[in-house]
């Protein structure tokens, strides 16, 4: 079984100019998500199903808070960030 992809809360950055308080809030939020993710997997929920549900919930929340255009602009940048390894768990950062 693959455990939560959120295994390392310190990896949640995504923003270059993030304040320390914002970084801490995101780290805490990620800990909550990791715990819920692991609980769901322990209950037999498939990791891929969790990932799709999490993406839907995240995007819906971003649309609600920032609107469709701004969220779409954010999402357009994800492909390059994924290819650059920002979401690869377990890689060595240099």
PDB file of N, CA and C in Angstrom:
ATOM      1  N   UNK A   1       0.841  -1.181   0.000  1.00  0.00           N
ATOM      2  CA  UNK A   1       0.000   0.000   0.000  1.00  0.00           C
ATOM      3  C   UNK A   1       0.887   1.246   0.000  1.00  0.00           C
ATOM      4  N   UNK A   2       0.582   2.198  -0.835  1.00  0.00           N
ATOM      5  CA  UNK A   2       1.303   3.470  -0.872  1.00  0.00           C
ATOM      6  C   UNK A   2       0.675   4.383   0.166  1.00  0.00           C
ATOM      7  N   UNK A   3       1.489   4.930   1.020  1.00  0.00           N
ATOM      8  CA  UNK A   3       0.979   5.857   2.025  1.00  0.00           C
ATOM      9  C   UNK A   3       0.820   7.234   1.398  1.00  0.00           C
ATOM     10  N   UNK A   4       0.246   8.106   2.159  1.00  0.00           N
ATOM     11  CA  UNK A   4      -0.047   9.452   1.692  1.00  0.00           C
ATOM     12  C   UNK A   4       1.119  10.079   0.933  1.00  0.00           C
ATOM     13  N   UNK A   5       0.815  10.719  -0.204  1.00  0.00           N
ATOM     14  CA  UNK A   5       1.875  11.436  -0.917  1.00  0.00           C
ATOM     15  C   UNK A   5       2.325  12.666  -0.149  1.00  0.00           C
ATOM     16  N   UNK A   6       1.663  12.930   0.954  1.00  0.00           N
ATOM     17  CA  UNK A   6       1.983  14.101   1.764  1.00  0.00           C
ATOM     18  C   UNK A   6       2.946  13.753   2.886  1.00  0.00           C
ATOM     19  N   UNK A   7       3.739  12.715   2.704  1.00  0.00           N
ATOM     20  CA  UNK A   7       4.592  12.207   3.770  1.00  0.00           C
ATOM     21  C   UNK A   7       5.560  13.248   4.314  1.00  0.00           C
ATOM     22  N   UNK A   8       5.920  14.224   3.527  1.00  0.00           N
ATOM     23  CA  UNK A   8       6.867  15.237   3.985  1.00  0.00           C
ATOM     24  C   UNK A   8       6.232  16.621   3.925  1.00  0.00           C
ATOM     25  N   UNK A   9       5.624  17.078   5.039  1.00  0.00           N
ATOM     26  CA  UNK A   9       4.959  18.381   5.038  1.00  0.00           C
ATOM     27  C   UNK A   9       5.868  19.539   4.656  1.00  0.00           C
ATOM     28  N   UNK A  10       7.166  19.403   4.832  1.00  0.00           N
ATOM     29  CA  UNK A  10       8.081  20.485   4.492  1.00  0.00           C
ATOM     30  C   UNK A  10       8.159  20.732   2.993  1.00  0.00           C
ATOM     31  N   UNK A  11       7.661  19.792   2.172  1.00  0.00           N
ATOM     32  CA  UNK A  11       7.740  19.943   0.721  1.00  0.00           C
ATOM     33  C   UNK A  11       6.658  20.864   0.168  1.00  0.00           C
ATOM     34  N   UNK A  12       5.677  21.236   0.994  1.00  0.00           N
ATOM     35  CA  UNK A  12       4.580  22.064   0.501  1.00  0.00           C
ATOM     36  C   UNK A  12       5.031  23.515   0.453  1.00  0.00           C
ATOM     37  N   UNK A  13       5.492  23.946  -0.677  1.00  0.00           N
ATOM     38  CA  UNK A  13       5.897  25.335  -0.824  1.00  0.00           C
ATOM     39  C   UNK A  13       5.035  25.972  -1.887  1.00  0.00           C
ATOM     40  N   UNK A  14       5.405  25.836  -3.128  1.00  0.00           N
ATOM     41  CA  UNK A  14       4.593  26.336  -4.225  1.00  0.00           C
ATOM     42  C   UNK A  14       4.605  27.841  -4.385  1.00  0.00           C
ATOM     43  N   UNK A  15       4.973  28.574  -3.369  1.00  0.00           N
ATOM     44  CA  UNK A  15       4.999  30.021  -3.439  1.00  0.00           C
ATOM     45  C   UNK A  15       6.390  30.494  -3.038  1.00  0.00           C
ATOM     46  N   UNK A  16       7.033  31.265  -3.886  1.00  0.00           N
ATOM     47  CA  UNK A  16       8.375  31.736  -3.573  1.00  0.00           C
ATOM     48  C   UNK A  16       8.386  32.766  -2.449  1.00  0.00           C
ATOM     49  N   UNK A  17       7.394  33.641  -2.427  1.00  0.00           N
ATOM     50  CA  UNK A  17       7.377  34.733  -1.461  1.00  0.00           C
ATOM     51  C   UNK A  17       6.438  34.446  -0.297  1.00  0.00           C
ATOM     52  N   UNK A  18       6.287  33.214   0.043  1.00  0.00           N
ATOM     53  CA  UNK A  18       5.390  32.805   1.110  1.00  0.00           C
ATOM     54  C   UNK A  18       5.936  33.262   2.466  1.00  0.00           C
ATOM     55  N   UNK A  19       5.056  33.816   3.311  1.00  0.00           N
ATOM     56  CA  UNK A  19       5.500  34.221   4.636  1.00  0.00           C
ATOM     57  C   UNK A  19       5.645  32.996   5.527  1.00  0.00           C
ATOM     58  N   UNK A  20       6.341  33.174   6.633  1.00  0.00           N
ATOM     59  CA  UNK A  20       6.531  32.072   7.572  1.00  0.00           C
ATOM     60  C   UNK A  20       5.180  31.604   8.124  1.00  0.00           C
ATOM     61  N   UNK A  21       4.273  32.534   8.409  1.00  0.00           N
ATOM     62  CA  UNK A  21       2.951  32.169   8.923  1.00  0.00           C
ATOM     63  C   UNK A  21       2.156  31.380   7.884  1.00  0.00           C
ATOM     64  N   UNK A  22       2.229  31.791   6.619  1.00  0.00           N
ATOM     65  CA  UNK A  22       1.540  31.057   5.554  1.00  0.00           C
ATOM     66  C   UNK A  22       2.130  29.665   5.395  1.00  0.00           C
ATOM     67  N   UNK A  23       3.443  29.578   5.479  1.00  0.00           N
ATOM     68  CA  UNK A  23       4.111  28.290   5.362  1.00  0.00           C
ATOM     69  C   UNK A  23       3.693  27.360   6.495  1.00  0.00           C
ATOM     70  N   UNK A  24       3.613  27.888   7.701  1.00  0.00           N
ATOM     71  CA  UNK A  24       3.202  27.083   8.851  1.00  0.00           C
ATOM     72  C   UNK A  24       1.744  26.647   8.712  1.00  0.00           C
ATOM     73  N   UNK A  25       0.880  27.538   8.248  1.00  0.00           N
ATOM     74  CA  UNK A  25      -0.528  27.184   8.056  1.00  0.00           C
ATOM     75  C   UNK A  25      -0.664  26.075   7.021  1.00  0.00           C
ATOM     76  N   UNK A  26       0.104  26.143   5.959  1.00  0.00           N
ATOM     77  CA  UNK A  26       0.062  25.104   4.925  1.00  0.00           C
ATOM     78  C   UNK A  26       0.622  23.788   5.449  1.00  0.00           C
ATOM     79  N   UNK A  27       1.668  23.860   6.259  1.00  0.00           N
ATOM     80  CA  UNK A  27       2.242  22.646   6.835  1.00  0.00           C
ATOM     81  C   UNK A  27       1.225  21.946   7.737  1.00  0.00           C
ATOM     82  N   UNK A  28       0.535  22.721   8.562  1.00  0.00           N
ATOM     83  CA  UNK A  28      -0.478  22.151   9.449  1.00  0.00           C
ATOM     84  C   UNK A  28      -1.623  21.563   8.634  1.00  0.00           C
ATOM     85  N   UNK A  29      -2.073  22.288   7.620  1.00  0.00           N
ATOM     86  CA  UNK A  29      -3.145  21.777   6.761  1.00  0.00           C
ATOM     87  C   UNK A  29      -2.727  20.470   6.104  1.00  0.00           C
ATOM     88  N   UNK A  30      -1.497  20.400   5.661  1.00  0.00           N
ATOM     89  CA  UNK A  30      -0.998  19.193   5.014  1.00  0.00           C
ATOM     90  C   UNK A  30      -0.950  18.019   5.989  1.00  0.00           C
ATOM     91  N   UNK A  31      -0.614  18.286   7.240  1.00  0.00           N
ATOM     92  CA  UNK A  31      -0.627  17.223   8.244  1.00  0.00           C
ATOM     93  C   UNK A  31      -2.038  16.660   8.420  1.00  0.00           C
ATOM     94  N   UNK A  32      -3.040  17.541   8.452  1.00  0.00           N
ATOM     95  CA  UNK A  32      -4.429  17.087   8.550  1.00  0.00           C
ATOM     96  C   UNK A  32      -4.814  16.233   7.344  1.00  0.00           C
ATOM     97  N   UNK A  33      -4.439  16.696   6.150  1.00  0.00           N
ATOM     98  CA  UNK A  33      -4.755  15.936   4.940  1.00  0.00           C
ATOM     99  C   UNK A  33      -4.054  14.586   4.927  1.00  0.00           C
ATOM    100  N   UNK A  34      -2.806  14.559   5.363  1.00  0.00           N
ATOM    101  CA  UNK A  34      -2.062  13.298   5.396  1.00  0.00           C
ATOM    102  C   UNK A  34      -2.726  12.302   6.335  1.00  0.00           C
ATOM    103  N   UNK A  35      -3.171  12.786   7.479  1.00  0.00           N
ATOM    104  CA  UNK A  35      -3.837  11.901   8.436  1.00  0.00           C
ATOM    105  C   UNK A  35      -5.147  11.362   7.858  1.00  0.00           C
ATOM    106  N   UNK A  36      -5.938  12.235   7.250  1.00  0.00           N
ATOM    107  CA  UNK A  36      -7.200  11.797   6.645  1.00  0.00           C
ATOM    108  C   UNK A  36      -6.941  10.825   5.499  1.00  0.00           C
ATOM    109  N   UNK A  37      -5.922  11.117   4.699  1.00  0.00           N
ATOM    110  CA  UNK A  37      -5.560  10.256   3.564  1.00  0.00           C
ATOM    111  C   UNK A  37      -5.208   8.861   4.060  1.00  0.00           C
ATOM    112  N   UNK A  38      -4.335   8.807   5.059  1.00  0.00           N
ATOM    113  CA  UNK A  38      -3.901   7.521   5.595  1.00  0.00           C
ATOM    114  C   UNK A  38      -5.058   6.763   6.233  1.00  0.00           C
ATOM    115  N   UNK A  39      -5.951   7.474   6.933  1.00  0.00           N
ATOM    116  CA  UNK A  39      -7.129   6.823   7.517  1.00  0.00           C
ATOM    117  C   UNK A  39      -8.007   6.218   6.426  1.00  0.00           C
ATOM    118  N   UNK A  40      -8.202   6.965   5.339  1.00  0.00           N
ATOM    119  CA  UNK A  40      -9.027   6.463   4.232  1.00  0.00           C
ATOM    120  C   UNK A  40      -8.398   5.227   3.611  1.00  0.00           C
ATOM    121  N   UNK A  41      -7.089   5.252   3.394  1.00  0.00           N
ATOM    122  CA  UNK A  41      -6.417   4.068   2.839  1.00  0.00           C
ATOM    123  C   UNK A  41      -6.507   2.885   3.796  1.00  0.00           C
ATOM    124  N   UNK A  42      -6.397   3.155   5.095  1.00  0.00           N
ATOM    125  CA  UNK A  42      -6.542   2.083   6.086  1.00  0.00           C
ATOM    126  C   UNK A  42      -7.933   1.462   6.020  1.00  0.00           C
ATOM    127  N   UNK A  43      -8.922   2.263   5.610  1.00  0.00           N
ATOM    128  CA  UNK A  43     -10.297   1.777   5.460  1.00  0.00           C
ATOM    129  C   UNK A  43     -10.550   1.165   4.091  1.00  0.00           C
ATOM    130  N   UNK A  44      -9.505   1.086   3.255  1.00  0.00           N
ATOM    131  CA  UNK A  44      -9.622   0.421   1.968  1.00  0.00           C
ATOM    132  C   UNK A  44      -9.918   1.307   0.780  1.00  0.00           C
ATOM    133  N   UNK A  45      -9.912   2.623   0.968  1.00  0.00           N
ATOM    134  CA  UNK A  45     -10.160   3.531  -0.153  1.00  0.00           C
ATOM    135  C   UNK A  45      -8.903   3.570  -1.023  1.00  0.00           C
ATOM    136  N   UNK A  46      -9.077   3.408  -2.323  1.00  0.00           N
ATOM    137  CA  UNK A  46      -7.975   3.391  -3.283  1.00  0.00           C
ATOM    138  C   UNK A  46      -7.280   4.751  -3.345  1.00  0.00           C
ATOM    139  N   UNK A  47      -5.953   4.737  -3.389  1.00  0.00           N
ATOM    140  CA  UNK A  47      -5.172   5.966  -3.444  1.00  0.00           C
ATOM    141  C   UNK A  47      -5.472   6.821  -4.660  1.00  0.00           C
ATOM    142  N   UNK A  48      -5.712   6.184  -5.808  1.00  0.00           N
ATOM    143  CA  UNK A  48      -6.041   6.947  -7.020  1.00  0.00           C
ATOM    144  C   UNK A  48      -7.397   7.638  -6.876  1.00  0.00           C
ATOM    145  N   UNK A  49      -8.353   6.956  -6.252  1.00  0.00           N
ATOM    146  CA  UNK A  49      -9.661   7.575  -6.014  1.00  0.00           C
ATOM    147  C   UNK A  49      -9.512   8.758  -5.066  1.00  0.00           C
ATOM    148  N   UNK A  50      -8.689   8.598  -4.047  1.00  0.00           N
ATOM    149  CA  UNK A  50      -8.427   9.700  -3.122  1.00  0.00           C
ATOM    150  C   UNK A  50      -7.797  10.884  -3.849  1.00  0.00           C
ATOM    151  N   UNK A  51      -6.839  10.596  -4.716  1.00  0.00           N
ATOM    152  CA  UNK A  51      -6.158  11.665  -5.443  1.00  0.00           C
ATOM    153  C   UNK A  51      -7.134  12.455  -6.312  1.00  0.00           C
ATOM    154  N   UNK A  52      -7.992  11.751  -7.022  1.00  0.00           N
ATOM    155  CA  UNK A  52      -8.967  12.440  -7.875  1.00  0.00           C
ATOM    156  C   UNK A  52      -9.948  13.255  -7.039  1.00  0.00           C
ATOM    157  N   UNK A  53     -10.412  12.691  -5.928  1.00  0.00           N
ATOM    158  CA  UNK A  53     -11.333  13.423  -5.056  1.00  0.00           C
ATOM    159  C   UNK A  53     -10.651  14.650  -4.457  1.00  0.00           C
ATOM    160  N   UNK A  54      -9.389  14.500  -4.061  1.00  0.00           N
ATOM    161  CA  UNK A  54      -8.652  15.620  -3.480  1.00  0.00           C
ATOM    162  C   UNK A  54      -8.439  16.732  -4.501  1.00  0.00           C
ATOM    163  N   UNK A  55      -8.105  16.355  -5.738  1.00  0.00           N
ATOM    164  CA  UNK A  55      -7.939  17.363  -6.788  1.00  0.00           C
ATOM    165  C   UNK A  55      -9.243  18.104  -7.056  1.00  0.00           C
ATOM    166  N   UNK A  56     -10.349  17.358  -7.121  1.00  0.00           N
ATOM    167  CA  UNK A  56     -11.643  18.003  -7.344  1.00  0.00           C
ATOM    168  C   UNK A  56     -11.947  18.982  -6.214  1.00  0.00           C
ATOM    169  N   UNK A  57     -11.785  18.526  -4.969  1.00  0.00           N
ATOM    170  CA  UNK A  57     -12.084  19.383  -3.823  1.00  0.00           C
ATOM    171  C   UNK A  57     -11.186  20.620  -3.814  1.00  0.00           C
ATOM    172  N   UNK A  58      -9.906  20.425  -4.112  1.00  0.00           N
ATOM    173  CA  UNK A  58      -8.973  21.552  -4.122  1.00  0.00           C
ATOM    174  C   UNK A  58      -9.330  22.563  -5.205  1.00  0.00           C
ATOM    175  N   UNK A  59      -9.578  22.076  -6.411  1.00  0.00           N
ATOM    176  CA  UNK A  59      -9.907  22.988  -7.509  1.00  0.00           C
ATOM    177  C   UNK A  59     -11.234  23.695  -7.266  1.00  0.00           C
ATOM    178  N   UNK A  60     -12.221  22.985  -6.744  1.00  0.00           N
ATOM    179  CA  UNK A  60     -13.513  23.613  -6.448  1.00  0.00           C
ATOM    180  C   UNK A  60     -13.350  24.709  -5.396  1.00  0.00           C
ATOM    181  N   UNK A  61     -12.516  24.467  -4.394  1.00  0.00           N
ATOM    182  CA  UNK A  61     -12.264  25.467  -3.358  1.00  0.00           C
ATOM    183  C   UNK A  61     -11.535  26.676  -3.930  1.00  0.00           C
ATOM    184  N   UNK A  62     -10.557  26.436  -4.800  1.00  0.00           N
ATOM    185  CA  UNK A  62      -9.848  27.548  -5.430  1.00  0.00           C
ATOM    186  C   UNK A  62     -10.776  28.369  -6.319  1.00  0.00           C
ATOM    187  N   UNK A  63     -11.641  27.712  -7.072  1.00  0.00           N
ATOM    188  CA  UNK A  63     -12.602  28.437  -7.915  1.00  0.00           C
ATOM    189  C   UNK A  63     -13.518  29.290  -7.043  1.00  0.00           C
ATOM    190  N   UNK A  64     -13.968  28.722  -5.939  1.00  0.00           N
ATOM    191  CA  UNK A  64     -14.857  29.466  -5.038  1.00  0.00           C
ATOM    192  C   UNK A  64     -14.157  30.699  -4.465  1.00  0.00           C
ATOM    193  N   UNK A  65     -12.886  30.560  -4.127  1.00  0.00           N
ATOM    194  CA  UNK A  65     -12.164  31.657  -3.493  1.00  0.00           C
ATOM    195  C   UNK A  65     -11.517  32.643  -4.443  1.00  0.00           C
ATOM    196  N   UNK A  66     -11.155  32.178  -5.644  1.00  0.00           N
ATOM    197  CA  UNK A  66     -10.390  33.034  -6.558  1.00  0.00           C
ATOM    198  C   UNK A  66     -11.022  33.206  -7.931  1.00  0.00           C
ATOM    199  N   UNK A  67     -12.055  32.450  -8.213  1.00  0.00           N
ATOM    200  CA  UNK A  67     -12.709  32.543  -9.510  1.00  0.00           C
ATOM    201  C   UNK A  67     -12.128  31.563 -10.519  1.00  0.00           C
ATOM    202  N   UNK A  68     -12.884  31.353 -11.578  1.00  0.00           N
ATOM    203  CA  UNK A  68     -12.496  30.368 -12.589  1.00  0.00           C
ATOM    204  C   UNK A  68     -11.251  30.775 -13.368  1.00  0.00           C
ATOM    205  N   UNK A  69     -11.156  32.033 -13.760  1.00  0.00           N
ATOM    206  CA  UNK A  69     -10.013  32.467 -14.572  1.00  0.00           C
ATOM    207  C   UNK A  69      -8.693  32.355 -13.819  1.00  0.00           C
ATOM    208  N   UNK A  70      -8.662  32.835 -12.579  1.00  0.00           N
ATOM    209  CA  UNK A  70      -7.425  32.778 -11.806  1.00  0.00           C
ATOM    210  C   UNK A  70      -7.046  31.328 -11.495  1.00  0.00           C
ATOM    211  N   UNK A  71      -8.043  30.498 -11.193  1.00  0.00           N
ATOM    212  CA  UNK A  71      -7.766  29.088 -10.920  1.00  0.00           C
ATOM    213  C   UNK A  71      -7.267  28.388 -12.176  1.00  0.00           C
ATOM    214  N   UNK A  72      -7.859  28.710 -13.317  1.00  0.00           N
ATOM    215  CA  UNK A  72      -7.405  28.116 -14.580  1.00  0.00           C
ATOM    216  C   UNK A  72      -5.965  28.527 -14.881  1.00  0.00           C
ATOM    217  N   UNK A  73      -5.617  29.779 -14.618  1.00  0.00           N
ATOM    218  CA  UNK A  73      -4.238  30.234 -14.831  1.00  0.00           C
ATOM    219  C   UNK A  73      -3.276  29.464 -13.933  1.00  0.00           C
ATOM    220  N   UNK A  74      -3.668  29.248 -12.690  1.00  0.00           N
ATOM    221  CA  UNK A  74      -2.856  28.453 -11.764  1.00  0.00           C
ATOM    222  C   UNK A  74      -2.694  27.031 -12.290  1.00  0.00           C
ATOM    223  N   UNK A  75      -3.798  26.429 -12.727  1.00  0.00           N
ATOM    224  CA  UNK A  75      -3.771  25.042 -13.202  1.00  0.00           C
ATOM    225  C   UNK A  75      -2.919  24.892 -14.459  1.00  0.00           C
ATOM    226  N   UNK A  76      -2.915  25.900 -15.319  1.00  0.00           N
ATOM    227  CA  UNK A  76      -2.107  25.841 -16.541  1.00  0.00           C
ATOM    228  C   UNK A  76      -0.619  25.706 -16.228  1.00  0.00           C
ATOM    229  N   UNK A  77      -0.193  26.249 -15.101  1.00  0.00           N
ATOM    230  CA  UNK A  77       1.221  26.206 -14.719  1.00  0.00           C
ATOM    231  C   UNK A  77       1.605  24.880 -14.071  1.00  0.00           C
ATOM    232  N   UNK A  78       0.628  24.079 -13.707  1.00  0.00           N
ATOM    233  CA  UNK A  78       0.919  22.829 -13.003  1.00  0.00           C
ATOM    234  C   UNK A  78       1.717  21.838 -13.841  1.00  0.00           C
ATOM    235  N   UNK A  79       1.450  21.764 -15.138  1.00  0.00           N
ATOM    236  CA  UNK A  79       2.157  20.795 -15.985  1.00  0.00           C
ATOM    237  C   UNK A  79       3.665  21.006 -15.916  1.00  0.00           C
ATOM    238  N   UNK A  80       4.105  22.243 -16.039  1.00  0.00           N
ATOM    239  CA  UNK A  80       5.541  22.527 -15.977  1.00  0.00           C
ATOM    240  C   UNK A  80       6.105  22.220 -14.593  1.00  0.00           C
ATOM    241  N   UNK A  81       5.340  22.527 -13.557  1.00  0.00           N
ATOM    242  CA  UNK A  81       5.804  22.259 -12.194  1.00  0.00           C
ATOM    243  C   UNK A  81       5.896  20.756 -11.938  1.00  0.00           C
ATOM    244  N   UNK A  82       4.955  20.001 -12.475  1.00  0.00           N
ATOM    245  CA  UNK A  82       4.998  18.540 -12.331  1.00  0.00           C
ATOM    246  C   UNK A  82       6.222  17.994 -13.043  1.00  0.00           C
ATOM    247  N   UNK A  83       6.432  18.441 -14.282  1.00  0.00           N
ATOM    248  CA  UNK A  83       7.595  17.988 -15.058  1.00  0.00           C
ATOM    249  C   UNK A  83       8.915  18.385 -14.394  1.00  0.00           C
ATOM    250  N   UNK A  84       8.913  19.490 -13.676  1.00  0.00           N
ATOM    251  CA  UNK A  84      10.122  19.954 -12.984  1.00  0.00           C
ATOM    252  C   UNK A  84      10.371  19.186 -11.687  1.00  0.00           C
ATOM    253  N   UNK A  85       9.445  18.315 -11.323  1.00  0.00           N
ATOM    254  CA  UNK A  85       9.649  17.477 -10.150  1.00  0.00           C
ATOM    255  C   UNK A  85       9.141  18.038  -8.840  1.00  0.00           C
ATOM    256  N   UNK A  86       8.401  19.151  -8.879  1.00  0.00           N
ATOM    257  CA  UNK A  86       7.924  19.748  -7.637  1.00  0.00           C
ATOM    258  C   UNK A  86       7.003  18.824  -6.843  1.00  0.00           C
ATOM    259  N   UNK A  87       6.368  17.883  -7.505  1.00  0.00           N
ATOM    260  CA  UNK A  87       5.418  16.996  -6.835  1.00  0.00           C
ATOM    261  C   UNK A  87       5.924  15.563  -6.769  1.00  0.00           C
ATOM    262  N   UNK A  88       7.205  15.368  -7.042  1.00  0.00           N
ATOM    263  CA  UNK A  88       7.793  14.038  -6.963  1.00  0.00           C
ATOM    264  C   UNK A  88       8.259  13.800  -5.536  1.00  0.00           C
ATOM    265  N   UNK A  89       7.610  12.854  -4.866  1.00  0.00           N
ATOM    266  CA  UNK A  89       7.929  12.549  -3.478  1.00  0.00           C
ATOM    267  C   UNK A  89       9.164  11.666  -3.435  1.00  0.00           C
ATOM    268  N   UNK A  90      10.063  11.961  -2.526  1.00  0.00           N
ATOM    269  CA  UNK A  90      11.230  11.125  -2.337  1.00  0.00           C
ATOM    270  C   UNK A  90      12.435  11.513  -3.157  1.00  0.00           C
ATOM    271  N   UNK A  91      12.333  12.564  -3.970  1.00  0.00           N
ATOM    272  CA  UNK A  91      13.500  12.975  -4.747  1.00  0.00           C
ATOM    273  C   UNK A  91      14.406  13.831  -3.870  1.00  0.00           C
ATOM    274  N   UNK A  92      15.652  13.915  -4.232  1.00  0.00           N
ATOM    275  CA  UNK A  92      16.628  14.703  -3.499  1.00  0.00           C
ATOM    276  C   UNK A  92      16.634  16.121  -4.040  1.00  0.00           C
ATOM    277  N   UNK A  93      16.422  17.087  -3.145  1.00  0.00           N
ATOM    278  CA  UNK A  93      16.469  18.498  -3.535  1.00  0.00           C
ATOM    279  C   UNK A  93      17.897  18.991  -3.382  1.00  0.00           C
ATOM    280  N   UNK A  94      18.378  19.731  -4.381  1.00  0.00           N
ATOM    281  CA  UNK A  94      19.750  20.250  -4.310  1.00  0.00           C
ATOM    282  C   UNK A  94      19.758  21.746  -4.295  1.00  0.00           C
TER     283      UNK A  94
END
